[in-house]
Amino acid sequence: MRIAITGSTGLIGSALTDSLSADGHTVVRLVREGTKRVGGESFVWDPKRQYVDAEGLAGCDAVVHLAGAGVGDRRWTAAYKKELWDSRVLGTAAIAEAVAELHTPPRVLVCGSAVGFYGDTGDRPVDEESPAGHGFLADMCQDWEAAAGAARDAGIRTVYARTGLVVSRRGGAWGRLFPLFKAGLGGRLGDGRQYWSHIALHDHLAALRRLLDDDELSGPFNLTAPVPATNREATEAMGRVLHRPTPFAVPAPVLRAALGEFAEDVLGSQRVLPNRLLEAGFRFAFPEVEDSVRAALA
């Protein structure tokens, strides 16, 4: 297939690009103006101006839209919250409208989303049938997914990949944890009872590939492991795998002082289940958090 990808330099985008290319697919990168070109075909797009070079989408069988500012990259000032929102909502609208206007549109658009859609669920398990939650991330995810409406209305199979915490040492939130735990400085956050809906990078890629290939699948899919772990369980698993003690705990007030509003999401609990993937027959290679940590180090 010929597949266009936004966010191809991020953790998931770069791994997906490598996976698709290794299997003989042609990957077209949609990049920002001034971004260093990294081999293959690349075309410019600008989410803020809602501009997409349609030449890059022409002849594509699929489009995977993963771009967006990093949620945990900076403190949540009003300006950065606007950047988070605009990078996702405006960017998704630009991609959806561009593919909808093509003479021969792609057969599928896979849009990134997040389990932040569900808000803080506490101990309550949620799946794709569960309603949206409350708060900044939940509101943003709802608008993020709604922004793909032009593609859906044009009859393009549209998928929303609601991603959890990706377990990888190559980047992302979990990638920042590995050096701390290797140095013996790892520990739980707050009381550690909050659920972390995680997924091994290997399983995330396999799920994306399935969503690309299976013409029967559309709508929201939770890309999370079937056995959510608490922060305490994830901490203990990291300690066992890395053979390091995990004596430290970061109290909730310290997290709030350091992270501001984002701390509420770090301390919040999301017990998310991937029921639609399981119903479609998808099998997770690394269903539990310790499996995922070991896979990240393999």
C-alpha atoms as a PDB file:
ATOM      1  CA  MET A   1       0.000   0.000   0.000  1.00  0.00           C
ATOM      2  CA  ARG A   2       0.867   3.666  -0.237  1.00  0.00           C
ATOM      3  CA  ILE A   3       0.345   5.213   3.208  1.00  0.00           C
ATOM      4  CA  ALA A   4       0.665   8.848   4.312  1.00  0.00           C
ATOM      5  CA  ILE A   5       1.655   9.508   7.938  1.00  0.00           C
ATOM      6  CA  THR A   6       1.697  12.659  10.047  1.00  0.00           C
ATOM      7  CA  GLY A   7       3.823  12.605  13.187  1.00  0.00           C
ATOM      8  CA  SER A   8       6.271  10.221  11.507  1.00  0.00           C
ATOM      9  CA  THR A   9       9.188  11.394  13.678  1.00  0.00           C
ATOM     10  CA  GLY A  10       7.464  10.646  16.988  1.00  0.00           C
ATOM     11  CA  LEU A  11       7.739   7.433  19.000  1.00  0.00           C
ATOM     12  CA  ILE A  12       4.778   5.672  17.391  1.00  0.00           C
ATOM     13  CA  GLY A  13       5.060   7.314  13.976  1.00  0.00           C
ATOM     14  CA  SER A  14       8.727   6.415  13.486  1.00  0.00           C
ATOM     15  CA  ALA A  15       8.169   2.829  14.618  1.00  0.00           C
ATOM     16  CA  LEU A  16       5.124   2.482  12.344  1.00  0.00           C
ATOM     17  CA  THR A  17       7.055   3.937   9.410  1.00  0.00           C
ATOM     18  CA  ASP A  18       9.844   1.395   9.949  1.00  0.00           C
ATOM     19  CA  SER A  19       7.350  -1.469  10.273  1.00  0.00           C
ATOM     20  CA  LEU A  20       5.440  -0.573   7.110  1.00  0.00           C
ATOM     21  CA  SER A  21       8.593   0.090   5.081  1.00  0.00           C
ATOM     22  CA  ALA A  22      10.105  -3.223   6.162  1.00  0.00           C
ATOM     23  CA  ASP A  23       7.041  -4.984   4.724  1.00  0.00           C
ATOM     24  CA  GLY A  24       7.380  -3.242   1.375  1.00  0.00           C
ATOM     25  CA  HIS A  25       4.761  -0.532   1.752  1.00  0.00           C
ATOM     26  CA  THR A  26       5.462   3.007   0.502  1.00  0.00           C
ATOM     27  CA  VAL A  27       5.341   5.586   3.291  1.00  0.00           C
ATOM     28  CA  VAL A  28       4.717   9.244   2.491  1.00  0.00           C
ATOM     29  CA  ARG A  29       5.614  11.631   5.318  1.00  0.00           C
ATOM     30  CA  LEU A  30       3.595  14.777   5.913  1.00  0.00           C
ATOM     31  CA  VAL A  31       5.978  17.185   7.671  1.00  0.00           C
ATOM     32  CA  ARG A  32       6.013  20.768   8.893  1.00  0.00           C
ATOM     33  CA  GLU A  33       7.799  23.480   6.925  1.00  0.00           C
ATOM     34  CA  GLY A  34      11.469  23.472   7.909  1.00  0.00           C
ATOM     35  CA  THR A  35      11.402  19.913   9.268  1.00  0.00           C
ATOM     36  CA  LYS A  36      14.468  17.908   8.316  1.00  0.00           C
ATOM     37  CA  ARG A  37      13.533  15.460   5.572  1.00  0.00           C
ATOM     38  CA  VAL A  38      14.454  11.867   6.418  1.00  0.00           C
ATOM     39  CA  GLY A  39      14.508   9.823   3.217  1.00  0.00           C
ATOM     40  CA  GLY A  40      11.571   8.766   1.064  1.00  0.00           C
ATOM     41  CA  GLU A  41       8.756  11.013  -0.086  1.00  0.00           C
ATOM     42  CA  SER A  42       7.681  13.943   2.071  1.00  0.00           C
ATOM     43  CA  PHE A  43       5.195  16.771   1.608  1.00  0.00           C
ATOM     44  CA  VAL A  44       4.434  19.854   3.658  1.00  0.00           C
ATOM     45  CA  TRP A  45       1.426  20.402   5.852  1.00  0.00           C
ATOM     46  CA  ASP A  46       0.647  23.074   8.462  1.00  0.00           C
ATOM     47  CA  PRO A  47      -2.011  22.261  11.073  1.00  0.00           C
ATOM     48  CA  LYS A  48      -2.332  25.841  12.340  1.00  0.00           C
ATOM     49  CA  ARG A  49      -2.935  27.227   8.846  1.00  0.00           C
ATOM     50  CA  GLN A  50      -4.940  24.070   8.064  1.00  0.00           C
ATOM     51  CA  TYR A  51      -2.901  23.592   4.912  1.00  0.00           C
ATOM     52  CA  VAL A  52      -2.106  20.194   3.400  1.00  0.00           C
ATOM     53  CA  ASP A  53      -0.190  19.624   0.174  1.00  0.00           C
ATOM     54  CA  ALA A  54      -2.788  17.411  -1.512  1.00  0.00           C
ATOM     55  CA  GLU A  55      -0.133  16.007  -3.846  1.00  0.00           C
ATOM     56  CA  GLY A  56       1.209  14.048  -0.896  1.00  0.00           C
ATOM     57  CA  LEU A  57      -2.165  12.370  -0.359  1.00  0.00           C
ATOM     58  CA  ALA A  58      -2.873  11.569  -3.989  1.00  0.00           C
ATOM     59  CA  GLY A  59      -2.898   7.847  -4.661  1.00  0.00           C
ATOM     60  CA  CYS A  60      -2.684   6.892  -0.993  1.00  0.00           C
ATOM     61  CA  ASP A  61      -4.559   3.810   0.158  1.00  0.00           C
ATOM     62  CA  ALA A  62      -4.481   4.932   3.787  1.00  0.00           C
ATOM     63  CA  VAL A  63      -3.663   7.945   5.957  1.00  0.00           C
ATOM     64  CA  VAL A  64      -2.452   7.675   9.550  1.00  0.00           C
ATOM     65  CA  HIS A  65      -2.713  10.927  11.493  1.00  0.00           C
ATOM     66  CA  LEU A  66      -0.581  10.876  14.651  1.00  0.00           C
ATOM     67  CA  ALA A  67       0.736  14.439  14.947  1.00  0.00           C
ATOM     68  CA  GLY A  68       0.170  16.570  18.037  1.00  0.00           C
ATOM     69  CA  ALA A  69       2.119  18.519  20.651  1.00  0.00           C
ATOM     70  CA  GLY A  70       3.348  16.397  23.574  1.00  0.00           C
ATOM     71  CA  VAL A  71       0.901  16.401  26.491  1.00  0.00           C
ATOM     72  CA  GLY A  72       3.632  16.067  29.122  1.00  0.00           C
ATOM     73  CA  ASP A  73       6.346  18.046  27.373  1.00  0.00           C
ATOM     74  CA  ARG A  74       5.708  21.358  29.139  1.00  0.00           C
ATOM     75  CA  ARG A  75       3.819  22.828  32.064  1.00  0.00           C
ATOM     76  CA  TRP A  76       0.186  23.478  31.196  1.00  0.00           C
ATOM     77  CA  THR A  77       0.034  27.228  30.853  1.00  0.00           C
ATOM     78  CA  ALA A  78      -2.977  28.712  29.090  1.00  0.00           C
ATOM     79  CA  ALA A  79      -0.810  29.191  25.998  1.00  0.00           C
ATOM     80  CA  TYR A  80       0.410  25.585  25.984  1.00  0.00           C
ATOM     81  CA  LYS A  81      -3.080  24.186  26.514  1.00  0.00           C
ATOM     82  CA  LYS A  82      -4.139  26.130  23.425  1.00  0.00           C
ATOM     83  CA  GLU A  83      -1.177  24.652  21.528  1.00  0.00           C
ATOM     84  CA  LEU A  84      -2.169  21.133  22.627  1.00  0.00           C
ATOM     85  CA  TRP A  85      -5.763  21.728  21.527  1.00  0.00           C
ATOM     86  CA  ASP A  86      -4.967  23.427  18.220  1.00  0.00           C
ATOM     87  CA  SER A  87      -2.308  20.896  17.209  1.00  0.00           C
ATOM     88  CA  ARG A  88      -4.870  18.103  17.497  1.00  0.00           C
ATOM     89  CA  VAL A  89      -8.209  19.648  16.587  1.00  0.00           C
ATOM     90  CA  LEU A  90      -7.074  21.984  13.794  1.00  0.00           C
ATOM     91  CA  GLY A  91      -4.614  19.393  12.493  1.00  0.00           C
ATOM     92  CA  THR A  92      -7.214  16.638  12.352  1.00  0.00           C
ATOM     93  CA  ALA A  93      -9.732  18.907  10.635  1.00  0.00           C
ATOM     94  CA  ALA A  94      -7.118  19.839   8.016  1.00  0.00           C
ATOM     95  CA  ILE A  95      -6.270  16.195   7.251  1.00  0.00           C
ATOM     96  CA  ALA A  96      -9.920  15.070   7.223  1.00  0.00           C
ATOM     97  CA  GLU A  97     -10.988  17.854   4.866  1.00  0.00           C
ATOM     98  CA  ALA A  98      -8.014  17.239   2.577  1.00  0.00           C
ATOM     99  CA  VAL A  99      -8.739  13.513   2.159  1.00  0.00           C
ATOM    100  CA  ALA A 100     -12.470  14.175   1.739  1.00  0.00           C
ATOM    101  CA  GLU A 101     -11.762  16.481  -1.204  1.00  0.00           C
ATOM    102  CA  LEU A 102      -9.562  14.017  -3.104  1.00  0.00           C
ATOM    103  CA  HIS A 103     -10.940  12.702  -6.393  1.00  0.00           C
ATOM    104  CA  THR A 104      -9.920   9.211  -5.256  1.00  0.00           C
ATOM    105  CA  PRO A 105      -9.841   9.250  -1.452  1.00  0.00           C
ATOM    106  CA  PRO A 106      -7.975   6.705   0.699  1.00  0.00           C
ATOM    107  CA  ARG A 107      -9.987   3.763   1.907  1.00  0.00           C
ATOM    108  CA  VAL A 108      -9.138   4.434   5.580  1.00  0.00           C
ATOM    109  CA  LEU A 109      -8.129   7.285   7.859  1.00  0.00           C
ATOM    110  CA  VAL A 110      -6.677   6.242  11.214  1.00  0.00           C
ATOM    111  CA  CYS A 111      -6.666   9.183  13.621  1.00  0.00           C
ATOM    112  CA  GLY A 112      -4.721   9.244  16.840  1.00  0.00           C
ATOM    113  CA  SER A 113      -6.718   9.862  20.002  1.00  0.00           C
ATOM    114  CA  ALA A 114      -6.152   9.045  23.672  1.00  0.00           C
ATOM    115  CA  VAL A 115      -7.686   7.314  26.671  1.00  0.00           C
ATOM    116  CA  GLY A 116      -7.903  10.798  28.151  1.00  0.00           C
ATOM    117  CA  PHE A 117     -11.312  10.694  26.423  1.00  0.00           C
ATOM    118  CA  TYR A 118     -12.703   8.878  29.491  1.00  0.00           C
ATOM    119  CA  GLY A 119     -11.427  11.289  32.141  1.00  0.00           C
ATOM    120  CA  ASP A 120     -10.688   9.943  35.628  1.00  0.00           C
ATOM    121  CA  THR A 121     -12.514   6.611  35.951  1.00  0.00           C
ATOM    122  CA  GLY A 122     -11.173   5.585  39.372  1.00  0.00           C
ATOM    123  CA  ASP A 123     -11.529   1.814  39.844  1.00  0.00           C
ATOM    124  CA  ARG A 124     -14.377   1.633  37.324  1.00  0.00           C
ATOM    125  CA  PRO A 125     -13.435  -0.211  34.096  1.00  0.00           C
ATOM    126  CA  VAL A 126     -14.441   1.520  30.861  1.00  0.00           C
ATOM    127  CA  ASP A 127     -14.488   0.458  27.228  1.00  0.00           C
ATOM    128  CA  GLU A 128     -15.437   1.973  23.876  1.00  0.00           C
ATOM    129  CA  GLU A 129     -19.125   1.994  24.833  1.00  0.00           C
ATOM    130  CA  SER A 130     -18.444   4.197  27.858  1.00  0.00           C
ATOM    131  CA  PRO A 131     -19.271   7.916  27.723  1.00  0.00           C
ATOM    132  CA  ALA A 132     -16.693  10.675  27.613  1.00  0.00           C
ATOM    133  CA  GLY A 133     -15.366  11.988  30.894  1.00  0.00           C
ATOM    134  CA  HIS A 134     -14.782  15.505  32.150  1.00  0.00           C
ATOM    135  CA  GLY A 135     -11.774  17.795  32.244  1.00  0.00           C
ATOM    136  CA  PHE A 136      -9.376  19.359  29.779  1.00  0.00           C
ATOM    137  CA  LEU A 137      -8.078  16.135  28.209  1.00  0.00           C
ATOM    138  CA  ALA A 138     -11.535  14.573  27.934  1.00  0.00           C
ATOM    139  CA  ASP A 139     -12.946  17.692  26.287  1.00  0.00           C
ATOM    140  CA  MET A 140      -9.968  17.919  23.928  1.00  0.00           C
ATOM    141  CA  CYS A 141     -10.270  14.266  22.899  1.00  0.00           C
ATOM    142  CA  GLN A 142     -13.946  14.711  22.069  1.00  0.00           C
ATOM    143  CA  ASP A 143     -13.226  17.685  19.814  1.00  0.00           C
ATOM    144  CA  TRP A 144     -10.169  15.891  18.403  1.00  0.00           C
ATOM    145  CA  GLU A 145     -12.262  12.947  17.233  1.00  0.00           C
ATOM    146  CA  ALA A 146     -15.143  15.145  16.047  1.00  0.00           C
ATOM    147  CA  ALA A 147     -12.688  17.078  13.853  1.00  0.00           C
ATOM    148  CA  ALA A 148     -12.397  14.005  11.589  1.00  0.00           C
ATOM    149  CA  GLY A 149     -16.051  14.378  10.620  1.00  0.00           C
ATOM    150  CA  ALA A 150     -15.362  15.529   7.055  1.00  0.00           C
ATOM    151  CA  ALA A 151     -13.647  12.225   6.242  1.00  0.00           C
ATOM    152  CA  ARG A 152     -16.338  10.146   7.899  1.00  0.00           C
ATOM    153  CA  ASP A 153     -19.099  12.087   6.126  1.00  0.00           C
ATOM    154  CA  ALA A 154     -17.329  11.497   2.805  1.00  0.00           C
ATOM    155  CA  GLY A 155     -17.666   7.744   3.336  1.00  0.00           C
ATOM    156  CA  ILE A 156     -14.028   7.103   4.271  1.00  0.00           C
ATOM    157  CA  ARG A 157     -13.613   4.391   6.888  1.00  0.00           C
ATOM    158  CA  THR A 158     -12.477   6.379   9.919  1.00  0.00           C
ATOM    159  CA  VAL A 159     -10.824   4.880  12.998  1.00  0.00           C
ATOM    160  CA  TYR A 160      -9.963   6.585  16.296  1.00  0.00           C
ATOM    161  CA  ALA A 161      -7.011   4.962  18.057  1.00  0.00           C
ATOM    162  CA  ARG A 162      -7.456   5.857  21.728  1.00  0.00           C
ATOM    163  CA  THR A 163      -3.948   5.240  22.975  1.00  0.00           C
ATOM    164  CA  GLY A 164      -2.817   4.572  26.536  1.00  0.00           C
ATOM    165  CA  LEU A 165       0.705   4.871  27.952  1.00  0.00           C
ATOM    166  CA  VAL A 166       3.060   3.244  25.447  1.00  0.00           C
ATOM    167  CA  VAL A 167       5.757   1.188  27.162  1.00  0.00           C
ATOM    168  CA  SER A 168       8.989   1.861  25.314  1.00  0.00           C
ATOM    169  CA  ARG A 169      12.479   2.991  26.230  1.00  0.00           C
ATOM    170  CA  ARG A 170      12.717   4.845  22.897  1.00  0.00           C
ATOM    171  CA  GLY A 171      10.552   7.785  23.931  1.00  0.00           C
ATOM    172  CA  GLY A 172       7.213   8.928  25.243  1.00  0.00           C
ATOM    173  CA  ALA A 173       6.290   9.222  28.897  1.00  0.00           C
ATOM    174  CA  TRP A 174       7.518   5.729  29.771  1.00  0.00           C
ATOM    175  CA  GLY A 175      10.814   6.344  28.032  1.00  0.00           C
ATOM    176  CA  ARG A 176      11.572   8.990  30.656  1.00  0.00           C
ATOM    177  CA  LEU A 177      11.017   6.483  33.451  1.00  0.00           C
ATOM    178  CA  PHE A 178      13.629   3.930  32.414  1.00  0.00           C
ATOM    179  CA  PRO A 179      16.723   6.078  33.231  1.00  0.00           C
ATOM    180  CA  LEU A 180      15.275   6.972  36.651  1.00  0.00           C
ATOM    181  CA  PHE A 181      14.513   3.371  37.531  1.00  0.00           C
ATOM    182  CA  LYS A 182      17.886   2.165  36.220  1.00  0.00           C
ATOM    183  CA  ALA A 183      19.534   4.683  38.545  1.00  0.00           C
ATOM    184  CA  GLY A 184      17.523   3.340  41.487  1.00  0.00           C
ATOM    185  CA  LEU A 185      15.480   6.537  41.727  1.00  0.00           C
ATOM    186  CA  GLY A 186      12.149   5.106  40.616  1.00  0.00           C
ATOM    187  CA  GLY A 187       9.062   5.054  42.759  1.00  0.00           C
ATOM    188  CA  ARG A 188       5.315   5.390  42.798  1.00  0.00           C
ATOM    189  CA  LEU A 189       3.488   8.643  42.104  1.00  0.00           C
ATOM    190  CA  GLY A 190       1.112   9.733  44.838  1.00  0.00           C
ATOM    191  CA  ASP A 191      -0.427   6.748  46.608  1.00  0.00           C
ATOM    192  CA  GLY A 192       0.137   4.545  43.535  1.00  0.00           C
ATOM    193  CA  ARG A 193      -3.434   3.274  43.461  1.00  0.00           C
ATOM    194  CA  GLN A 194      -4.343   5.027  40.208  1.00  0.00           C
ATOM    195  CA  TYR A 195      -4.673   2.781  37.155  1.00  0.00           C
ATOM    196  CA  TRP A 196      -2.255   3.206  34.261  1.00  0.00           C
ATOM    197  CA  SER A 197      -3.711   1.838  31.044  1.00  0.00           C
ATOM    198  CA  HIS A 198      -0.537   0.864  29.230  1.00  0.00           C
ATOM    199  CA  ILE A 199       0.377  -0.967  26.027  1.00  0.00           C
ATOM    200  CA  ALA A 200       3.639  -2.414  24.726  1.00  0.00           C
ATOM    201  CA  LEU A 201       4.953  -0.614  21.643  1.00  0.00           C
ATOM    202  CA  HIS A 202       4.973  -3.966  19.804  1.00  0.00           C
ATOM    203  CA  ASP A 203       1.253  -4.479  20.503  1.00  0.00           C
ATOM    204  CA  HIS A 204       0.440  -0.881  19.625  1.00  0.00           C
ATOM    205  CA  LEU A 205       2.041  -1.275  16.198  1.00  0.00           C
ATOM    206  CA  ALA A 206       0.316  -4.613  15.639  1.00  0.00           C
ATOM    207  CA  ALA A 207      -3.035  -3.051  16.542  1.00  0.00           C
ATOM    208  CA  LEU A 208      -2.487  -0.110  14.170  1.00  0.00           C
ATOM    209  CA  ARG A 209      -1.574  -2.514  11.382  1.00  0.00           C
ATOM    210  CA  ARG A 210      -4.772  -4.476  12.040  1.00  0.00           C
ATOM    211  CA  LEU A 211      -6.856  -1.280  11.988  1.00  0.00           C
ATOM    212  CA  LEU A 212      -5.273  -0.326   8.677  1.00  0.00           C
ATOM    213  CA  ASP A 213      -5.866  -3.713   7.069  1.00  0.00           C
ATOM    214  CA  ASP A 214      -9.310  -4.774   8.291  1.00  0.00           C
ATOM    215  CA  ASP A 215     -12.057  -3.077   6.285  1.00  0.00           C
ATOM    216  CA  GLU A 216     -14.665  -4.152   8.857  1.00  0.00           C
ATOM    217  CA  LEU A 217     -13.225  -2.001  11.637  1.00  0.00           C
ATOM    218  CA  SER A 218     -14.193   1.635  12.156  1.00  0.00           C
ATOM    219  CA  GLY A 219     -14.914   4.038  14.996  1.00  0.00           C
ATOM    220  CA  PRO A 220     -13.116   4.127  18.369  1.00  0.00           C
ATOM    221  CA  PHE A 221     -10.676   1.452  19.514  1.00  0.00           C
ATOM    222  CA  ASN A 222      -8.829   1.456  22.833  1.00  0.00           C
ATOM    223  CA  LEU A 223      -5.165   0.686  22.232  1.00  0.00           C
ATOM    224  CA  THR A 224      -4.402  -0.504  25.745  1.00  0.00           C
ATOM    225  CA  ALA A 225      -3.344  -3.824  27.213  1.00  0.00           C
ATOM    226  CA  PRO A 226      -6.181  -6.059  28.473  1.00  0.00           C
ATOM    227  CA  VAL A 227      -4.784  -6.054  32.038  1.00  0.00           C
ATOM    228  CA  PRO A 228      -4.507  -2.449  33.281  1.00  0.00           C
ATOM    229  CA  ALA A 229      -2.012  -2.006  36.114  1.00  0.00           C
ATOM    230  CA  THR A 230      -1.953   0.430  38.993  1.00  0.00           C
ATOM    231  CA  ASN A 231       0.957   2.835  39.274  1.00  0.00           C
ATOM    232  CA  ARG A 232       2.164   0.815  42.278  1.00  0.00           C
ATOM    233  CA  GLU A 233       2.089  -2.419  40.236  1.00  0.00           C
ATOM    234  CA  ALA A 234       3.915  -0.745  37.343  1.00  0.00           C
ATOM    235  CA  THR A 235       6.549   0.573  39.771  1.00  0.00           C
ATOM    236  CA  GLU A 236       7.079  -2.867  41.273  1.00  0.00           C
ATOM    237  CA  ALA A 237       7.327  -4.437  37.795  1.00  0.00           C
ATOM    238  CA  MET A 238       9.980  -1.907  36.738  1.00  0.00           C
ATOM    239  CA  GLY A 239      11.959  -2.664  39.888  1.00  0.00           C
ATOM    240  CA  ARG A 240      11.815  -6.431  39.338  1.00  0.00           C
ATOM    241  CA  VAL A 241      12.778  -6.295  35.675  1.00  0.00           C
ATOM    242  CA  LEU A 242      15.610  -3.789  36.183  1.00  0.00           C
ATOM    243  CA  HIS A 243      16.741  -5.357  39.491  1.00  0.00           C
ATOM    244  CA  ARG A 244      16.604  -2.025  41.263  1.00  0.00           C
ATOM    245  CA  PRO A 245      14.949  -0.943  44.486  1.00  0.00           C
ATOM    246  CA  THR A 246      11.948   1.368  44.206  1.00  0.00           C
ATOM    247  CA  PRO A 247      11.949   3.062  47.611  1.00  0.00           C
ATOM    248  CA  PHE A 248      10.890   6.520  46.580  1.00  0.00           C
ATOM    249  CA  ALA A 249       7.427   7.997  46.300  1.00  0.00           C
ATOM    250  CA  VAL A 250       6.556  11.415  44.930  1.00  0.00           C
ATOM    251  CA  PRO A 251       3.824  12.892  47.140  1.00  0.00           C
ATOM    252  CA  ALA A 252       0.805  14.363  45.401  1.00  0.00           C
ATOM    253  CA  PRO A 253       1.501  17.947  46.617  1.00  0.00           C
ATOM    254  CA  VAL A 254       5.004  17.807  45.139  1.00  0.00           C
ATOM    255  CA  LEU A 255       3.625  16.631  41.785  1.00  0.00           C
ATOM    256  CA  ARG A 256       1.078  19.433  41.808  1.00  0.00           C
ATOM    257  CA  ALA A 257       3.768  21.990  42.541  1.00  0.00           C
ATOM    258  CA  ALA A 258       6.005  20.654  39.777  1.00  0.00           C
ATOM    259  CA  LEU A 259       3.439  19.908  37.077  1.00  0.00           C
ATOM    260  CA  GLY A 260       0.580  22.267  37.803  1.00  0.00           C
ATOM    261  CA  GLU A 261      -2.767  21.230  36.307  1.00  0.00           C
ATOM    262  CA  PHE A 262      -1.216  18.259  34.471  1.00  0.00           C
ATOM    263  CA  ALA A 263      -0.569  16.631  37.861  1.00  0.00           C
ATOM    264  CA  GLU A 264      -4.283  15.876  38.203  1.00  0.00           C
ATOM    265  CA  ASP A 265      -4.077  13.666  35.119  1.00  0.00           C
ATOM    266  CA  VAL A 266      -0.878  11.982  36.341  1.00  0.00           C
ATOM    267  CA  LEU A 267      -2.607  11.221  39.649  1.00  0.00           C
ATOM    268  CA  GLY A 268      -5.906  10.362  37.965  1.00  0.00           C
ATOM    269  CA  SER A 269      -6.955   6.774  37.333  1.00  0.00           C
ATOM    270  CA  GLN A 270      -7.975   5.277  33.996  1.00  0.00           C
ATOM    271  CA  ARG A 271      -8.933   1.623  33.942  1.00  0.00           C
ATOM    272  CA  VAL A 272      -9.450   1.234  30.201  1.00  0.00           C
ATOM    273  CA  LEU A 273     -10.198  -2.067  28.464  1.00  0.00           C
ATOM    274  CA  PRO A 274      -9.615  -2.834  24.738  1.00  0.00           C
ATOM    275  CA  ASN A 275     -12.894  -4.685  24.264  1.00  0.00           C
ATOM    276  CA  ARG A 276     -13.388  -3.901  20.560  1.00  0.00           C
ATOM    277  CA  LEU A 277      -9.904  -5.172  19.657  1.00  0.00           C
ATOM    278  CA  LEU A 278     -10.512  -8.342  21.661  1.00  0.00           C
ATOM    279  CA  GLU A 279     -13.899  -8.854  20.012  1.00  0.00           C
ATOM    280  CA  ALA A 280     -12.187  -8.515  16.621  1.00  0.00           C
ATOM    281  CA  GLY A 281      -9.881 -11.407  17.575  1.00  0.00           C
ATOM    282  CA  PHE A 282      -6.757  -9.336  18.199  1.00  0.00           C
ATOM    283  CA  ARG A 283      -4.251 -11.092  20.451  1.00  0.00           C
ATOM    284  CA  PHE A 284      -1.868  -9.153  22.659  1.00  0.00           C
ATOM    285  CA  ALA A 285       1.683 -10.480  22.791  1.00  0.00           C
ATOM    286  CA  PHE A 286       2.333  -8.620  26.065  1.00  0.00           C
ATOM    287  CA  PRO A 287      -0.926  -8.367  28.034  1.00  0.00           C
ATOM    288  CA  GLU A 288       0.511  -7.467  31.462  1.00  0.00           C
ATOM    289  CA  VAL A 289       2.710  -4.594  32.541  1.00  0.00           C
ATOM    290  CA  GLU A 290       5.753  -6.734  33.413  1.00  0.00           C
ATOM    291  CA  ASP A 291       5.537  -8.399  29.992  1.00  0.00           C
ATOM    292  CA  SER A 292       5.501  -4.948  28.389  1.00  0.00           C
ATOM    293  CA  VAL A 293       8.512  -3.726  30.378  1.00  0.00           C
ATOM    294  CA  ARG A 294      10.524  -6.817  29.444  1.00  0.00           C
ATOM    295  CA  ALA A 295       9.532  -6.378  25.788  1.00  0.00           C
ATOM    296  CA  ALA A 296      10.748  -2.767  25.886  1.00  0.00           C
ATOM    297  CA  LEU A 297      14.182  -3.948  27.021  1.00  0.00           C
ATOM    298  CA  ALA A 298      14.438  -6.875  24.584  1.00  0.00           C
END
